[in-house]
Protein backbone atom coordinates (compact mmCIF):
# COMPACT_ATOMS: atom_id res chain seq x y z
CA UNK A 1 -3.89 39.62 -99.74
CA UNK A 2 -6.02 41.96 -97.86
CA UNK A 3 -4.83 45.21 -99.26
CA UNK A 4 -5.50 44.06 -102.53
CA UNK A 5 -8.95 42.59 -101.42
CA UNK A 6 -9.98 46.43 -99.86
CA UNK A 7 -8.12 47.84 -103.45
CA UNK A 8 -10.89 45.82 -105.66
CA UNK A 9 -13.89 46.92 -103.48
CA UNK A 10 -12.63 50.45 -104.50
CA UNK A 11 -12.51 49.62 -108.05
CA UNK A 12 -15.46 47.49 -108.12
CA UNK A 13 -17.27 49.26 -111.35
CA UNK A 14 -13.97 48.38 -113.07
CA UNK A 15 -14.06 44.64 -112.21
CA UNK A 16 -17.72 44.55 -113.00
CA UNK A 17 -17.27 46.16 -116.63
CA UNK A 18 -14.17 43.78 -117.00
CA UNK A 19 -16.64 40.66 -115.93
CA UNK A 20 -19.42 41.73 -118.10
CA UNK A 21 -16.58 41.74 -120.75
CA UNK A 22 -15.37 38.20 -120.16
CA UNK A 23 -18.54 36.68 -119.16
CA UNK A 24 -19.72 38.07 -122.97
CA UNK A 25 -16.74 36.28 -124.79
CA UNK A 26 -17.23 33.13 -122.32
CA UNK A 27 -21.25 32.83 -123.94
CA UNK A 28 -20.04 33.80 -127.42
CA UNK A 29 -17.15 30.81 -127.45
CA UNK A 30 -19.96 28.34 -125.39
CA UNK A 31 -20.68 26.18 -128.77
CA UNK A 32 -17.00 25.80 -128.80
CA UNK A 33 -16.79 25.12 -125.17
CA UNK A 34 -19.69 22.74 -125.17
CA UNK A 35 -18.00 20.80 -128.35
CA UNK A 36 -14.58 20.43 -126.03
CA UNK A 37 -16.63 19.59 -122.88
CA UNK A 38 -17.79 21.73 -120.19
CA UNK A 39 -16.45 18.84 -117.72
CA UNK A 40 -13.58 18.67 -119.39
CA UNK A 41 -12.54 22.40 -119.16
CA UNK A 42 -13.62 22.43 -115.42
CA UNK A 43 -10.43 22.31 -113.84
CA UNK A 44 -8.28 24.08 -115.88
CA UNK A 45 -10.85 26.95 -115.95
CA UNK A 46 -11.27 26.66 -112.27
CA UNK A 47 -7.61 26.57 -112.02
CA UNK A 48 -7.26 29.91 -113.62
CA UNK A 49 -10.32 31.32 -111.73
CA UNK A 50 -8.64 30.50 -108.17
CA UNK A 51 -5.21 32.33 -109.08
CA UNK A 52 -7.19 35.21 -110.63
CA UNK A 53 -10.03 35.59 -108.10
CA UNK A 54 -7.56 34.74 -105.14
CA UNK A 55 -5.25 37.38 -106.11
CA UNK A 56 -7.75 40.09 -106.85
CA UNK A 57 -10.54 39.22 -104.57
CA UNK A 58 -9.44 36.58 -102.27
CA UNK A 59 -11.80 34.41 -103.27
CA UNK A 60 -12.71 30.93 -101.57
CA UNK A 61 -14.09 29.53 -104.36
CA UNK A 62 -16.87 28.09 -103.00
CA UNK A 63 -18.29 27.82 -106.62
CA UNK A 64 -21.20 29.96 -106.20
CA UNK A 65 -19.76 33.71 -106.89
CA UNK A 66 -21.92 36.25 -105.87
CA UNK A 67 -19.25 39.42 -106.01
CA UNK A 68 -21.05 41.20 -108.48
CA UNK A 69 -23.80 41.40 -106.20
CA UNK A 70 -21.33 42.05 -102.90
CA UNK A 71 -19.50 45.08 -104.65
CA UNK A 72 -16.78 42.88 -105.32
CA UNK A 73 -16.30 41.51 -101.67
CA UNK A 74 -16.24 38.12 -101.04
CA UNK A 75 -18.81 37.28 -98.20
CA UNK A 76 -17.17 34.20 -97.70
CA UNK A 77 -14.15 36.22 -96.36
CA UNK A 78 -16.07 36.55 -93.50
CA UNK A 79 -15.25 34.42 -90.39
CA UNK A 80 -18.54 33.32 -90.07
CA UNK A 81 -19.50 33.00 -93.67
CA UNK A 82 -22.53 34.98 -93.96
CA UNK A 83 -23.71 35.70 -97.59
CA UNK A 84 -26.39 38.18 -96.61
CA UNK A 85 -25.17 40.55 -94.87
CA UNK A 86 -23.30 41.57 -91.48
CA UNK A 87 -23.77 39.73 -88.32
CA UNK A 88 -24.83 42.34 -85.05
CA UNK A 89 -20.85 41.72 -83.98
CA UNK A 90 -19.67 44.56 -85.93
CA UNK A 91 -17.45 46.40 -84.22
CA UNK A 92 -18.20 50.49 -83.42
CA UNK A 93 -14.90 51.08 -85.86
CA UNK A 94 -16.53 49.12 -88.65
CA UNK A 95 -13.99 45.90 -87.86
CA UNK A 96 -14.80 42.18 -87.29
CA UNK A 97 -15.75 40.89 -84.02
CA UNK A 98 -13.81 37.93 -84.88
CA UNK A 99 -11.20 39.10 -86.32
CA UNK A 100 -10.72 42.80 -84.55
CA UNK A 101 -7.68 43.56 -87.40
CA UNK A 102 -9.82 43.09 -90.18
CA UNK A 103 -12.32 45.37 -91.79
CA UNK A 104 -16.08 44.00 -91.70
CA UNK A 105 -16.67 42.39 -95.05
CA UNK A 106 -20.02 43.47 -95.57
CA UNK A 107 -19.23 46.98 -94.99
CA UNK A 108 -17.12 46.69 -97.79
CA UNK A 109 -19.66 44.77 -99.71
CA UNK A 110 -22.14 47.49 -99.02
CA UNK A 111 -19.29 50.33 -100.33
CA UNK A 112 -18.21 48.51 -103.15
CA UNK A 113 -21.69 48.04 -104.56
CA UNK A 114 -22.49 51.79 -104.26
CA UNK A 115 -19.71 51.94 -107.13
CA UNK A 116 -21.37 48.94 -109.59
CA UNK A 117 -23.99 49.57 -112.10
CA UNK A 118 -26.11 46.89 -110.55
CA UNK A 119 -25.40 48.21 -106.95
CA UNK A 120 -29.32 47.09 -106.02
CA UNK A 121 -28.21 43.54 -106.12
CA UNK A 122 -26.85 43.29 -102.96
CA UNK A 123 -30.34 43.48 -101.38
CA UNK A 124 -31.01 39.84 -103.07
CA UNK A 125 -30.97 37.21 -100.29
CA UNK A 126 -28.42 34.44 -101.57
CA UNK A 127 -28.71 30.97 -101.24
CA UNK A 128 -27.01 28.84 -98.60
CA UNK A 129 -24.04 27.39 -99.94
CA UNK A 130 -23.86 24.09 -102.00
CA UNK A 131 -20.90 22.30 -100.26
CA UNK A 132 -20.93 19.99 -103.51
CA UNK A 133 -19.64 22.91 -105.94
CA UNK A 134 -16.67 24.28 -103.65
CA UNK A 135 -13.19 24.35 -105.80
CA UNK A 136 -15.94 24.35 -108.88
CA UNK A 137 -15.99 27.08 -111.44
CA UNK A 138 -18.58 29.80 -111.12
CA UNK A 139 -17.63 30.98 -114.61
CA UNK A 140 -18.45 28.47 -116.52
CA UNK A 141 -21.72 27.58 -114.09
CA UNK A 142 -22.98 31.38 -114.95
CA UNK A 143 -22.46 31.23 -118.53
CA UNK A 144 -24.19 27.78 -118.81
CA UNK A 145 -27.00 29.42 -117.30
CA UNK A 146 -27.20 32.41 -119.41
CA UNK A 147 -27.30 30.06 -122.58
CA UNK A 148 -29.58 27.94 -120.76
CA UNK A 149 -32.19 30.46 -119.75
CA UNK A 150 -32.17 32.14 -123.15
CA UNK A 151 -29.77 35.28 -122.28
CA UNK A 152 -26.94 33.82 -124.36
CA UNK A 153 -25.49 34.78 -127.90
CA UNK A 154 -28.12 36.70 -129.13
CA UNK A 155 -28.71 39.02 -126.17
CA UNK A 156 -24.70 39.70 -126.14
CA UNK A 157 -24.38 39.83 -129.85
CA UNK A 158 -27.11 42.34 -130.16
């Protein structure tokens, strides 16, 4: 998993484009998804998301994904679960103070974010984790957010 996670960070731009395409598809399908019922789709979508993101990014399914802001490096892999940058314990070799064999998740995040089109998003402060969302689909939440904010179907079609 660790090697795949590091590989994913090195290919952050590719995954950013792939996610944009998936999100666009889900936004276009939103009328159908809402007719089926988003609550009904939550468990199967979360299961698919867990497999895909778990394999590629070692995702912890916090329900509030910030991969697009953190260079495809999941901050929940940090042993301290820091969501807004590294702690003061990054070793001189770039490894974690808690898990010395692991490179700091935030060093990977900065590296990956430089490869992405929206590379400045890493500087946005992330909110604390809402543990009630643990295990839920962040894909459905993001699509619902875009549609609710009026960034839905019209923007994707044009």
